[in-house]
Amino acid sequence: MTRTFRQAASDCFTDLSDFIQNLNADVELYRALQTVTKDDAVMRTFSPEQRRMGVLLRKEFERDGIHLPLTERQRVIALQNDITQLSMQFQTTMYSARDWVEVPASLIRGLPHSITSVCEPKWMNRDVVRVPTDPHVLNTVLKWVGDPTVRRNMYVAANSCAKDNLPVLDELRAKRHELAQLLGFPTDRMIGSPEAVEGFIEDIAKQLMTKAKIEQQLLLDAKRRHEGRACTEVYMWDLPYYMGMLKAQQHRIDSRVISAYFPLENCLKGLHLLCSSLFGLELTQTPMANASEQWHEDVRKLALTRDGETLGYIYFDLYPRPNKYNHAAHFTIRCGKRLSQTTYQKPIVALVCNFNKPAPDSPSLLTHAEVETLFHEFGHAMHSLLSRTEFQHLSGTRAALDFVETPSHLFEYFAWDYRVVREFTSHYKTGEPLPMAMMQGLRASKGMFAAMDTQTQCLYSMLDLQLFGEQPLPCTPSTTTQMLHELQNSSTLVPHVDGTCWHTRFGHLIGYGAGYYSYLYARVFAADIWHSCFLGQRGPLDRTAGEQLYEKLMVHGGAKDPNELLVDMLGRSPSPKNYLHELGV
């Protein structure tokens, strides 16, 4: 059934994209909208949201080339259709690309059942297993397998198996560049010009470098102790293993022990806790309307309610399976909007993750990083479900790209505060709550490699800006892999691995298009809100702070200027001070 759903979704997406592009080519509709939005007297008769909607729609028409001569408008539509198809092709390859690596069976036996169950014994040699390069398998092997050759082989295979996406990405870049030239595309980001974006990233990266070098030396020292004094470099396949090892040693934490306190069902109770404590809402499991609503047996449906009234619905699709989206994400299925003075279209969203399935002797157990991911995506979901806008075009996460990650980053903080975590964690066997000392160790370990982790985010942002900025690429040869190679080697302390192209499995290149920097930018806002509004004496689950978050930020979706929302929430302009303090710089 899932294959049928995927094909139907792809067909619908293509048809809807064609419809919207043709609608945005309606010259008479554009002229009417232009007449209204440029008449100050008429605009004053509308509400602020209606005025914002009108201007945004006019700009959307203009981004689709409505102001161009007919032949150029037709070319714009053709380019947009091509971009849609290329984006879908990139994502299909990204999800389905798979290779196998032969690994000694003894090194795999201690891994979770969800990993060992997808490995295949080698024909005629039971001492060797074939391990797939699926992302959740790769991440587990890189973190837990001590043999550096196995880690290297897995990393290289996983980050070269999607090479078919290289020509797709080249063509996608060419189409986007041609489209931008046709439209004379202005920036509409909060931060301003591309130069301002680059300045923001470079400023953050520069402040990180000193601390990052200290972190790199810690990793290299650990590698030398285990692999020999001849080691001179820390590679990509070393990071998860040695970062995890050093965090465990210095702060006396073991992620496998910690996972025992985070059964998935308990973590879902943590989401219920946030809903009830912060907003006075309930999450209630509800049956599917019919059999065709459930695209896989793992999917469950919950209703978000207040005093018995349903505000919206959320689907949870939390376990991996072949050809499924292989990262974590929130997807809007239906936006909210006002239907009349008394009725509102209920939003519907899907929260998609890839957590380990239950084993025969244990439930699905999450690492704390996965708990953080769950809370992050739930922040997106709540933004969609809580917004109450007149227009679906401004509903929930349909806000400025620079701002839209703010609620999701904010919700991560709740997964790091023991006052919240103690309310929903318990050992899956004994029922004992997570010890405070264990949570303190986790919190202390969070900043241990924060500079190198943030350097990686800066790299993602810089690569995104370069690939979808001015052409040709400023490197020789002028290829996306060479651009990646040069950026990674110049802006981080961990070199690019020759022969690999991890960007062919980096889906955010498709979704953001020179806007990935916003992910980092929104962290500044989230840190400021958390430290200013949720760390008071009344604690992070304070209902007053929750209502303030709802009334001043979440309810508005994209219907207000984000700068106004932030100033209203904070009582001042946002500052990077709290975020930089968290990073230890």
Protein backbone atom coordinates (compact mmCIF):
# COMPACT_ATOMS: atom_id res chain seq x y z
CA MET A 1 0.00 0.00 0.00
CA THR A 2 2.84 2.43 0.80
CA ARG A 3 4.06 2.27 -2.82
CA THR A 4 0.57 3.18 -4.04
CA PHE A 5 0.44 6.07 -1.58
CA ARG A 6 3.86 7.34 -2.71
CA GLN A 7 2.90 7.28 -6.37
CA ALA A 8 -0.44 8.94 -5.73
CA ALA A 9 1.27 11.63 -3.65
CA SER A 10 3.84 12.28 -6.39
CA ASP A 11 1.11 12.55 -9.02
CA CYS A 12 -0.94 14.92 -6.87
CA PHE A 13 2.10 17.05 -6.10
CA THR A 14 2.89 17.41 -9.79
CA ASP A 15 -0.71 18.28 -10.67
CA LEU A 16 -0.99 20.79 -7.84
CA SER A 17 2.31 22.44 -8.78
CA ASP A 18 1.12 22.79 -12.38
CA PHE A 19 -2.18 24.28 -11.19
CA ILE A 20 -0.51 26.84 -8.91
CA GLN A 21 2.00 27.86 -11.58
CA ASN A 22 -0.77 28.41 -14.10
CA LEU A 23 -2.86 30.28 -11.54
CA ASN A 24 0.10 32.54 -10.84
CA ALA A 25 0.28 33.27 -14.58
CA ASP A 26 -3.21 34.85 -14.61
CA VAL A 27 -2.43 38.41 -15.75
CA GLU A 28 -5.90 39.83 -15.02
CA LEU A 29 -5.82 38.50 -11.47
CA TYR A 30 -2.36 39.99 -10.96
CA ARG A 31 -3.42 43.40 -12.30
CA ALA A 32 -6.39 43.49 -9.95
CA LEU A 33 -4.17 42.56 -7.02
CA GLN A 34 -1.55 45.13 -8.05
CA THR A 35 -4.19 47.86 -8.26
CA VAL A 36 -5.46 47.11 -4.78
CA THR A 37 -2.11 46.66 -3.00
CA LYS A 38 -0.69 49.89 -4.40
CA ASP A 39 -3.71 51.97 -3.34
CA ASP A 40 -2.99 53.16 0.21
CA ALA A 41 -6.57 54.25 0.82
CA VAL A 42 -7.95 50.83 -0.13
CA MET A 43 -5.28 49.00 1.84
CA ARG A 44 -6.20 50.91 5.01
CA THR A 45 -9.67 49.32 4.86
CA PHE A 46 -8.17 45.85 5.35
CA SER A 47 -6.92 44.16 8.51
CA PRO A 48 -3.11 43.90 9.00
CA GLU A 49 -3.24 40.21 8.05
CA GLN A 50 -5.24 40.93 4.91
CA ARG A 51 -2.75 43.63 3.88
CA ARG A 52 0.16 41.24 4.48
CA MET A 53 -1.61 38.54 2.49
CA GLY A 54 -2.21 40.86 -0.44
CA VAL A 55 1.41 42.00 -0.65
CA LEU A 56 2.73 38.45 -0.30
CA LEU A 57 0.44 37.22 -3.07
CA ARG A 58 1.52 40.05 -5.35
CA LYS A 59 5.17 39.20 -4.71
CA GLU A 60 4.41 35.54 -5.39
CA PHE A 61 2.95 36.48 -8.76
CA GLU A 62 6.07 38.49 -9.50
CA ARG A 63 8.35 35.63 -8.42
CA ASP A 64 6.53 33.57 -11.04
CA GLY A 65 7.31 36.17 -13.73
CA ILE A 66 3.86 37.65 -14.19
CA HIS A 67 5.42 41.01 -15.06
CA LEU A 68 7.46 39.50 -17.92
CA PRO A 69 6.56 39.28 -21.62
CA LEU A 70 4.51 36.23 -22.60
CA THR A 71 7.39 34.16 -23.99
CA GLU A 72 9.47 34.73 -20.85
CA ARG A 73 6.48 33.91 -18.61
CA GLN A 74 6.05 30.63 -20.44
CA ARG A 75 9.74 29.91 -19.92
CA VAL A 76 9.34 30.61 -16.19
CA ILE A 77 6.50 28.07 -15.97
CA ALA A 78 8.54 25.48 -17.86
CA LEU A 79 11.54 26.06 -15.56
CA GLN A 80 9.41 25.72 -12.45
CA ASN A 81 7.95 22.46 -13.72
CA ASP A 82 11.47 21.19 -14.43
CA ILE A 83 12.63 22.22 -10.96
CA THR A 84 9.72 20.36 -9.37
CA GLN A 85 10.52 17.18 -11.29
CA LEU A 86 14.27 17.40 -10.58
CA SER A 87 13.63 17.97 -6.87
CA MET A 88 11.42 14.89 -6.72
CA GLN A 89 14.03 12.87 -8.63
CA PHE A 90 16.76 14.00 -6.19
CA GLN A 91 14.69 12.99 -3.19
CA THR A 92 13.69 9.63 -4.68
CA THR A 93 17.35 8.74 -5.22
CA MET A 94 18.25 10.03 -1.78
CA TYR A 95 15.69 7.73 -0.13
CA SER A 96 16.37 4.65 -2.23
CA ALA A 97 20.18 4.73 -2.66
CA ARG A 98 21.71 1.80 -0.85
CA ASP A 99 24.97 -0.11 -0.73
CA TRP A 100 26.24 -3.00 1.39
CA VAL A 101 29.44 -3.35 3.39
CA GLU A 102 30.88 -6.66 4.58
CA VAL A 103 31.59 -6.56 8.31
CA PRO A 104 32.79 -9.24 10.77
CA ALA A 105 29.66 -10.60 12.42
CA SER A 106 31.26 -10.30 15.87
CA LEU A 107 31.29 -6.51 15.55
CA ILE A 108 27.57 -6.31 14.80
CA ARG A 109 26.13 -8.71 17.39
CA GLY A 110 26.04 -6.15 20.21
CA LEU A 111 24.10 -3.57 18.23
CA PRO A 112 20.34 -3.03 18.66
CA HIS A 113 17.93 -5.56 17.20
CA SER A 114 16.67 -2.98 14.70
CA ILE A 115 20.18 -2.92 13.20
CA THR A 116 21.08 -6.61 13.33
CA SER A 117 17.69 -7.55 11.87
CA VAL A 118 18.40 -5.74 8.58
CA CYS A 119 21.90 -7.19 8.12
CA GLU A 120 22.35 -10.25 5.89
CA PRO A 121 24.74 -13.16 6.50
CA LYS A 122 27.27 -13.57 3.72
CA TRP A 123 26.74 -16.60 1.54
CA MET A 124 29.05 -19.45 2.57
CA ASN A 125 30.63 -17.40 5.39
CA ARG A 126 28.60 -17.00 8.56
CA ASP A 127 31.40 -15.03 10.21
CA VAL A 128 30.70 -12.07 7.90
CA VAL A 129 27.50 -10.05 7.52
CA ARG A 130 26.45 -7.60 4.84
CA VAL A 131 25.41 -4.31 6.44
CA PRO A 132 23.18 -1.84 4.52
CA THR A 133 24.12 1.83 4.34
CA ASP A 134 20.70 3.09 5.41
CA PRO A 135 21.17 6.26 7.48
CA HIS A 136 19.92 4.84 10.78
CA VAL A 137 22.24 1.83 10.35
CA LEU A 138 25.19 3.99 9.34
CA ASN A 139 24.77 6.27 12.36
CA THR A 140 24.70 3.33 14.75
CA VAL A 141 27.80 1.69 13.23
CA LEU A 142 29.76 4.95 13.27
CA LYS A 143 28.96 5.50 16.93
CA TRP A 144 29.48 2.01 18.33
CA VAL A 145 31.88 -0.02 16.19
CA GLY A 146 35.47 0.45 17.34
CA ASP A 147 37.17 -0.92 14.22
CA PRO A 148 38.24 2.18 12.21
CA THR A 149 38.37 0.25 8.93
CA VAL A 150 34.74 -0.80 9.29
CA ARG A 151 33.69 2.74 10.16
CA ARG A 152 35.62 4.14 7.20
CA ASN A 153 34.15 1.60 4.77
CA MET A 154 30.63 2.31 5.99
CA TYR A 155 31.10 6.07 5.77
CA VAL A 156 32.55 5.96 2.24
CA ALA A 157 29.93 3.54 0.93
CA ALA A 158 27.02 5.47 2.46
CA ASN A 159 28.25 8.79 1.14
CA SER A 160 28.98 7.66 -2.40
CA CYS A 161 25.98 5.42 -3.17
CA ALA A 162 23.80 8.35 -4.30
CA LYS A 163 26.17 9.62 -7.01
CA ASP A 164 23.29 9.51 -9.48
CA ASN A 165 22.16 12.72 -7.81
CA LEU A 166 25.25 14.64 -8.96
CA PRO A 167 23.96 15.33 -12.51
CA VAL A 168 20.47 15.93 -11.09
CA LEU A 169 21.88 18.57 -8.75
CA ASP A 170 23.84 20.17 -11.59
CA GLU A 171 20.72 20.42 -13.72
CA LEU A 172 18.66 21.68 -10.79
CA ARG A 173 21.23 24.42 -10.10
CA ALA A 174 21.25 25.43 -13.78
CA LYS A 175 17.44 25.65 -13.89
CA ARG A 176 17.26 27.67 -10.67
CA HIS A 177 19.99 30.01 -11.89
CA GLU A 178 18.22 30.60 -15.19
CA LEU A 179 14.97 31.22 -13.32
CA ALA A 180 16.65 33.71 -10.98
CA GLN A 181 18.14 35.59 -13.92
CA LEU A 182 14.78 35.79 -15.64
CA LEU A 183 13.09 37.12 -12.51
CA GLY A 184 15.84 39.38 -11.17
CA PHE A 185 15.13 37.63 -7.86
CA PRO A 186 15.40 39.94 -4.80
CA THR A 187 16.05 38.52 -1.35
CA ASP A 188 13.09 38.41 1.02
CA ARG A 189 14.88 37.03 4.06
CA MET A 190 14.72 38.67 7.49
CA ILE A 191 18.48 39.04 7.61
CA GLY A 192 18.65 41.00 4.36
CA SER A 193 21.14 40.61 1.51
CA PRO A 194 23.26 37.55 0.62
CA GLU A 195 26.27 39.53 1.85
CA ALA A 196 24.59 39.96 5.23
CA VAL A 197 23.87 36.23 5.36
CA GLU A 198 27.49 35.37 4.61
CA GLY A 199 28.62 37.92 7.20
CA PHE A 200 26.37 36.34 9.84
CA ILE A 201 27.74 32.84 9.16
CA GLU A 202 31.36 33.97 8.98
CA ASP A 203 31.02 35.91 12.23
CA ILE A 204 29.68 32.84 14.05
CA ALA A 205 32.34 30.57 12.49
CA LYS A 206 35.16 32.95 13.39
CA GLN A 207 34.14 33.04 17.04
CA LEU A 208 34.00 29.23 17.12
CA MET A 209 37.45 28.45 15.73
CA THR A 210 39.52 28.73 18.92
CA LYS A 211 37.22 26.42 20.88
CA ALA A 212 36.88 24.07 17.88
CA LYS A 213 40.66 23.57 17.78
CA ILE A 214 40.65 22.57 21.45
CA GLU A 215 37.84 20.09 20.75
CA GLN A 216 39.69 18.68 17.73
CA GLN A 217 42.81 18.08 19.84
CA LEU A 218 40.75 16.16 22.41
CA LEU A 219 39.49 13.87 19.63
CA LEU A 220 42.95 13.39 18.13
CA ASP A 221 44.44 12.52 21.52
CA ALA A 222 41.70 9.93 22.07
CA LYS A 223 42.26 8.47 18.61
CA ARG A 224 46.00 8.17 19.22
CA ARG A 225 45.40 6.32 22.47
CA HIS A 226 43.28 3.75 20.67
CA GLU A 227 44.74 3.58 17.17
CA GLY A 228 48.38 4.52 17.72
CA ARG A 229 50.60 7.59 17.94
CA ALA A 230 51.02 7.65 14.16
CA CYS A 231 47.50 9.12 13.74
CA THR A 232 47.68 12.72 12.57
CA GLU A 233 44.09 13.47 11.49
CA VAL A 234 40.53 13.14 12.73
CA TYR A 235 38.24 11.99 9.93
CA MET A 236 34.49 12.11 9.42
CA TRP A 237 34.03 8.47 10.46
CA ASP A 238 35.86 9.18 13.74
CA LEU A 239 33.56 11.92 15.00
CA PRO A 240 30.55 9.96 16.32
CA TYR A 241 32.75 7.26 17.88
CA TYR A 242 35.26 9.42 19.69
CA MET A 243 32.83 12.18 20.59
CA GLY A 244 30.59 9.58 22.20
CA MET A 245 33.53 7.91 23.94
CA LEU A 246 34.91 11.13 25.43
CA LYS A 247 31.49 12.34 26.55
CA ALA A 248 30.91 8.99 28.25
CA GLN A 249 34.30 9.00 29.95
CA GLN A 250 34.35 12.60 31.14
CA HIS A 251 30.75 12.84 32.22
CA ARG A 252 30.14 9.19 33.15
CA ILE A 253 27.34 8.68 30.67
CA ASP A 254 26.53 5.71 28.47
CA SER A 255 23.93 6.42 25.81
CA ARG A 256 22.81 2.78 25.82
CA VAL A 257 22.18 2.96 29.56
CA ILE A 258 20.43 6.31 29.16
CA SER A 259 18.24 4.94 26.36
CA ALA A 260 16.72 2.48 28.82
CA TYR A 261 15.05 5.46 30.48
CA PHE A 262 13.58 6.76 27.22
CA PRO A 263 11.10 4.21 25.84
CA LEU A 264 9.33 5.80 22.91
CA GLU A 265 5.91 5.58 24.56
CA ASN A 266 7.21 7.52 27.57
CA CYS A 267 8.68 10.18 25.31
CA LEU A 268 5.31 10.58 23.62
CA LYS A 269 3.91 11.17 27.11
CA GLY A 270 6.44 13.99 27.32
CA LEU A 271 4.74 15.61 24.33
CA HIS A 272 1.39 15.23 26.11
CA LEU A 273 2.98 16.92 29.12
CA LEU A 274 4.04 19.96 27.11
CA CYS A 275 0.58 20.28 25.60
CA SER A 276 -1.23 20.14 28.93
CA SER A 277 1.21 22.14 31.06
CA LEU A 278 2.02 24.95 28.64
CA PHE A 279 -1.23 25.33 26.73
CA GLY A 280 -3.98 23.45 28.59
CA LEU A 281 -4.40 21.05 25.65
CA GLU A 282 -4.79 17.30 25.31
CA LEU A 283 -3.38 14.83 22.76
CA THR A 284 -5.79 11.93 22.31
CA GLN A 285 -5.31 8.90 20.09
CA THR A 286 -8.16 8.69 17.63
CA PRO A 287 -9.20 6.02 15.11
CA MET A 288 -8.60 6.42 11.39
CA ALA A 289 -11.66 7.51 9.43
CA ASN A 290 -11.25 4.47 7.16
CA ALA A 291 -8.66 1.89 6.12
CA SER A 292 -7.26 3.99 3.28
CA GLU A 293 -6.34 6.82 5.67
CA GLN A 294 -3.54 4.75 7.21
CA TRP A 295 -0.67 4.49 4.72
CA HIS A 296 1.21 1.98 6.92
CA GLU A 297 0.32 -0.10 9.95
CA ASP A 298 2.90 1.76 12.08
CA VAL A 299 1.09 5.10 11.62
CA ARG A 300 -1.07 6.37 14.47
CA LYS A 301 -3.38 9.39 14.56
CA LEU A 302 -3.88 11.81 17.46
CA ALA A 303 -6.22 14.73 17.95
CA LEU A 304 -5.15 17.94 19.66
CA THR A 305 -8.08 19.17 21.77
CA ARG A 306 -9.01 21.94 24.18
CA ASP A 307 -12.01 21.46 26.45
CA GLY A 308 -13.33 18.76 24.11
CA GLU A 309 -12.94 20.84 20.94
CA THR A 310 -10.61 19.42 18.29
CA LEU A 311 -8.01 21.95 17.10
CA GLY A 312 -6.24 19.68 14.60
CA TYR A 313 -4.79 16.25 13.92
CA ILE A 314 -1.29 14.82 13.89
CA TYR A 315 -0.09 11.55 12.38
CA PHE A 316 2.95 9.87 13.95
CA ASP A 317 5.02 7.76 11.53
CA LEU A 318 8.04 6.89 13.65
CA TYR A 319 9.76 3.71 12.41
CA PRO A 320 12.03 3.13 9.38
CA ARG A 321 11.02 1.05 6.36
CA PRO A 322 12.30 0.69 2.79
CA ASN A 323 11.96 3.80 0.58
CA LYS A 324 10.57 5.90 3.40
CA TYR A 325 11.88 9.43 4.00
CA ASN A 326 15.01 8.59 5.97
CA HIS A 327 15.40 11.62 8.21
CA ALA A 328 13.10 13.37 10.68
CA ALA A 329 10.57 15.94 9.49
CA HIS A 330 7.21 17.60 9.99
CA PHE A 331 4.91 17.70 6.97
CA THR A 332 1.77 19.79 6.62
CA ILE A 333 -1.03 17.78 5.06
CA ARG A 334 -3.71 20.45 5.39
CA CYS A 335 -3.28 24.05 6.54
CA GLY A 336 -5.64 25.77 8.88
CA LYS A 337 -7.73 28.74 7.74
CA ARG A 338 -10.85 30.64 8.75
CA LEU A 339 -13.90 29.32 6.88
CA SER A 340 -16.40 31.70 8.46
CA GLN A 341 -16.82 33.84 11.55
CA THR A 342 -17.59 30.71 13.57
CA THR A 343 -15.75 27.84 11.84
CA TYR A 344 -12.10 27.07 11.23
CA GLN A 345 -10.51 24.47 8.94
CA LYS A 346 -8.65 22.09 11.22
CA PRO A 347 -4.95 21.68 10.30
CA ILE A 348 -3.54 18.19 9.76
CA VAL A 349 0.18 17.39 10.01
CA ALA A 350 2.46 14.35 9.97
CA LEU A 351 5.49 13.89 12.22
CA VAL A 352 7.95 11.52 10.54
CA CYS A 353 10.97 9.94 12.27
CA ASN A 354 13.04 6.76 11.98
CA PHE A 355 13.48 5.39 15.49
CA ASN A 356 14.51 1.83 16.27
CA LYS A 357 11.60 -0.58 16.22
CA PRO A 358 10.81 -2.56 19.37
CA ALA A 359 13.02 -5.61 19.88
CA PRO A 360 11.68 -9.00 21.00
CA ASP A 361 12.82 -8.27 24.57
CA SER A 362 12.44 -4.49 24.80
CA PRO A 363 10.35 -1.57 23.55
CA SER A 364 11.65 1.04 21.15
CA LEU A 365 14.35 2.90 23.12
CA LEU A 366 15.48 6.37 22.09
CA THR A 367 18.86 7.95 22.51
CA HIS A 368 18.68 11.37 24.07
CA ALA A 369 19.60 12.85 20.68
CA GLU A 370 16.50 11.15 19.26
CA VAL A 371 14.38 12.55 22.09
CA GLU A 372 15.66 15.99 21.15
CA THR A 373 14.74 15.30 17.51
CA LEU A 374 11.23 14.20 18.50
CA PHE A 375 10.69 17.40 20.51
CA HIS A 376 12.12 19.50 17.64
CA GLU A 377 9.68 18.10 15.09
CA PHE A 378 6.85 18.39 17.59
CA GLY A 379 7.64 22.11 17.87
CA HIS A 380 6.98 22.40 14.13
CA ALA A 381 3.78 20.41 14.51
CA MET A 382 2.52 22.65 17.32
CA HIS A 383 3.30 25.75 15.26
CA SER A 384 1.06 24.35 12.51
CA LEU A 385 -1.70 23.13 14.82
CA LEU A 386 -1.90 26.20 17.08
CA SER A 387 -1.84 28.97 14.51
CA ARG A 388 -5.21 30.60 13.84
CA THR A 389 -4.91 32.66 10.70
CA GLU A 390 -7.51 33.90 8.29
CA PHE A 391 -5.59 32.57 5.29
CA GLN A 392 -4.03 29.14 4.88
CA HIS A 393 -1.20 30.85 2.98
CA LEU A 394 -0.06 32.25 6.35
CA SER A 395 -0.86 29.22 8.49
CA GLY A 396 1.65 27.69 10.91
CA THR A 397 5.07 27.09 9.40
CA ARG A 398 4.23 29.13 6.29
CA ALA A 399 6.25 31.95 7.78
CA ALA A 400 9.53 33.63 6.82
CA LEU A 401 12.21 30.99 6.27
CA ASP A 402 14.59 32.79 8.63
CA PHE A 403 12.06 32.44 11.46
CA VAL A 404 10.23 29.18 10.86
CA GLU A 405 12.69 26.96 12.79
CA THR A 406 12.35 29.05 15.96
CA PRO A 407 9.51 27.08 17.64
CA SER A 408 11.16 23.73 16.82
CA HIS A 409 14.53 24.80 18.26
CA LEU A 410 12.72 26.17 21.31
CA PHE A 411 10.99 22.85 21.98
CA GLU A 412 14.37 21.07 22.03
CA TYR A 413 15.21 22.88 25.26
CA PHE A 414 12.45 21.06 27.13
CA ALA A 415 14.21 17.75 26.41
CA TRP A 416 17.31 19.07 28.20
CA ASP A 417 15.65 20.38 31.37
CA TYR A 418 15.49 17.81 34.16
CA ARG A 419 12.39 19.43 35.62
CA VAL A 420 10.59 18.40 32.43
CA VAL A 421 12.38 15.13 31.71
CA ARG A 422 11.82 13.67 35.19
CA GLU A 423 8.07 13.90 34.60
CA PHE A 424 7.98 11.38 31.75
CA THR A 425 11.12 9.20 31.89
CA SER A 426 11.35 5.82 33.61
CA HIS A 427 13.47 2.72 33.12
CA TYR A 428 11.61 0.33 30.85
CA LYS A 429 12.33 -2.62 33.19
CA THR A 430 12.38 -1.19 36.72
CA GLY A 431 10.18 1.88 36.35
CA GLU A 432 12.81 3.98 38.13
CA PRO A 433 13.01 7.63 37.03
CA LEU A 434 16.07 8.97 35.25
CA PRO A 435 18.64 9.89 37.95
CA MET A 436 19.40 13.59 38.21
CA ALA A 437 23.16 12.91 38.05
CA MET A 438 22.71 11.17 34.70
CA MET A 439 20.83 14.16 33.31
CA GLN A 440 23.47 16.51 34.68
CA GLY A 441 26.12 14.48 32.88
CA LEU A 442 24.13 14.69 29.67
CA ARG A 443 23.78 18.46 30.00
CA ALA A 444 27.49 18.86 30.70
CA SER A 445 28.36 16.74 27.67
CA LYS A 446 26.13 18.83 25.39
CA GLY A 447 28.65 21.64 25.13
CA MET A 448 31.73 19.42 24.95
CA PHE A 449 31.94 19.56 21.13
CA ALA A 450 29.49 22.39 20.52
CA ALA A 451 31.96 24.44 18.48
CA MET A 452 32.73 21.64 16.01
CA ASP A 453 29.05 20.74 15.75
CA THR A 454 28.15 24.34 14.98
CA GLN A 455 30.99 24.56 12.46
CA THR A 456 29.20 21.77 10.62
CA GLN A 457 25.99 23.80 10.58
CA CYS A 458 27.95 26.76 9.22
CA LEU A 459 29.37 24.47 6.51
CA TYR A 460 25.88 23.34 5.49
CA SER A 461 24.81 26.97 5.25
CA MET A 462 27.84 28.07 3.24
CA LEU A 463 27.53 25.14 0.83
CA ASP A 464 23.84 25.90 0.29
CA LEU A 465 24.61 29.57 -0.38
CA GLN A 466 27.39 28.74 -2.86
CA LEU A 467 25.50 26.05 -4.79
CA PHE A 468 22.47 28.26 -5.31
CA GLY A 469 24.23 31.61 -5.51
CA GLU A 470 26.13 33.16 -8.38
CA GLN A 471 27.33 30.86 -11.17
CA PRO A 472 29.68 29.34 -12.13
CA LEU A 473 30.99 27.97 -8.86
CA PRO A 474 34.19 29.69 -7.67
CA CYS A 475 36.33 26.54 -7.72
CA THR A 476 38.34 24.42 -10.16
CA PRO A 477 36.97 22.17 -11.44
CA SER A 478 33.60 23.90 -11.13
CA THR A 479 31.71 20.97 -9.62
CA THR A 480 29.51 20.69 -6.57
CA THR A 481 31.82 18.07 -5.04
CA GLN A 482 34.87 20.30 -5.49
CA MET A 483 32.96 23.19 -3.93
CA LEU A 484 32.09 20.97 -0.99
CA HIS A 485 35.72 19.81 -0.73
CA GLU A 486 37.09 23.36 -0.61
CA LEU A 487 34.48 24.71 1.82
CA GLN A 488 34.80 21.81 4.23
CA ASN A 489 38.60 21.94 4.23
CA SER A 490 38.70 25.70 4.74
CA SER A 491 35.89 26.22 7.24
CA THR A 492 36.03 23.10 9.43
CA LEU A 493 38.78 21.07 11.07
CA VAL A 494 37.69 17.73 9.61
CA PRO A 495 38.69 17.19 5.95
CA HIS A 496 36.39 16.14 3.16
CA VAL A 497 36.86 12.47 2.24
CA ASP A 498 37.95 12.05 -1.36
CA GLY A 499 35.52 9.98 -3.42
CA THR A 500 32.52 10.86 -1.28
CA CYS A 501 29.66 13.27 -1.95
CA TRP A 502 27.53 13.48 1.16
CA HIS A 503 25.63 16.41 -0.33
CA THR A 504 23.84 13.98 -2.68
CA ARG A 505 21.98 12.68 0.39
CA PHE A 506 21.44 16.08 1.98
CA GLY A 507 17.77 16.76 1.33
CA HIS A 508 17.85 20.27 2.78
CA LEU A 509 19.64 21.43 -0.37
CA ILE A 510 16.36 20.87 -2.17
CA GLY A 511 14.03 22.25 0.46
CA TYR A 512 15.96 25.39 1.43
CA GLY A 513 17.64 26.60 -1.77
CA ALA A 514 20.17 29.17 -0.39
CA GLY A 515 18.14 29.43 2.82
CA TYR A 516 19.67 26.76 5.06
CA TYR A 517 21.42 29.49 7.06
CA SER A 518 17.99 30.17 8.58
CA TYR A 519 18.32 26.95 10.61
CA LEU A 520 21.31 28.46 12.42
CA TYR A 521 19.77 31.93 12.52
CA ALA A 522 16.65 30.64 14.27
CA ARG A 523 18.80 29.05 17.00
CA VAL A 524 19.70 32.56 18.10
CA PHE A 525 16.01 33.44 18.50
CA ALA A 526 15.15 30.19 20.30
CA ALA A 527 18.03 30.55 22.77
CA ASP A 528 16.94 34.10 23.55
CA ILE A 529 13.31 33.09 24.14
CA TRP A 530 14.25 30.12 26.32
CA HIS A 531 16.63 32.02 28.58
CA SER A 532 14.36 35.06 28.80
CA CYS A 533 10.95 33.42 29.21
CA PHE A 534 11.28 29.83 30.45
CA LEU A 535 14.13 29.81 32.98
CA GLY A 536 12.40 31.85 35.65
CA GLN A 537 11.57 30.73 39.17
CA ARG A 538 8.26 29.21 38.02
CA GLY A 539 10.11 26.69 35.86
CA PRO A 540 9.95 25.66 32.20
CA LEU A 541 6.42 24.25 32.41
CA ASP A 542 4.96 27.53 33.60
CA ARG A 543 1.50 28.03 32.13
CA THR A 544 1.95 31.81 31.98
CA ALA A 545 5.05 31.44 29.81
CA GLY A 546 3.22 28.90 27.67
CA GLU A 547 0.27 31.20 27.13
CA GLN A 548 2.66 34.01 26.26
CA LEU A 549 4.33 31.77 23.67
CA TYR A 550 0.93 30.87 22.24
CA GLU A 551 -0.56 34.37 22.14
CA LYS A 552 2.51 36.31 21.05
CA LEU A 553 4.07 33.85 18.61
CA MET A 554 2.46 30.49 17.78
CA VAL A 555 -1.09 31.66 17.05
CA HIS A 556 0.07 34.10 14.38
CA GLY A 557 1.81 31.61 12.07
CA GLY A 558 3.15 33.74 9.22
CA ALA A 559 0.50 36.44 9.54
CA LYS A 560 2.82 38.96 11.22
CA ASP A 561 6.33 40.20 10.58
CA PRO A 562 8.66 37.88 12.56
CA ASN A 563 10.65 40.82 13.88
CA GLU A 564 7.47 42.20 15.44
CA LEU A 565 6.64 38.82 16.97
CA LEU A 566 10.08 38.48 18.53
CA VAL A 567 10.11 41.98 19.95
CA ASP A 568 6.61 41.40 21.38
CA MET A 569 7.71 38.06 22.89
CA LEU A 570 10.99 39.30 24.35
CA GLY A 571 10.12 42.92 25.07
CA ARG A 572 13.21 43.95 23.06
CA SER A 573 15.10 43.06 19.88
CA PRO A 574 16.62 39.55 19.88
CA SER A 575 20.30 39.15 20.73
CA PRO A 576 22.83 36.35 19.96
CA LYS A 577 24.32 36.66 23.47
CA ASN A 578 22.53 33.65 24.99
CA TYR A 579 23.28 31.41 22.00
CA LEU A 580 26.99 32.24 21.99
CA HIS A 581 27.12 31.68 25.74
CA GLU A 582 25.68 28.19 25.24
CA LEU A 583 28.46 27.45 22.75
CA GLY A 584 31.06 28.49 25.29
CA VAL A 585 32.34 31.45 23.25
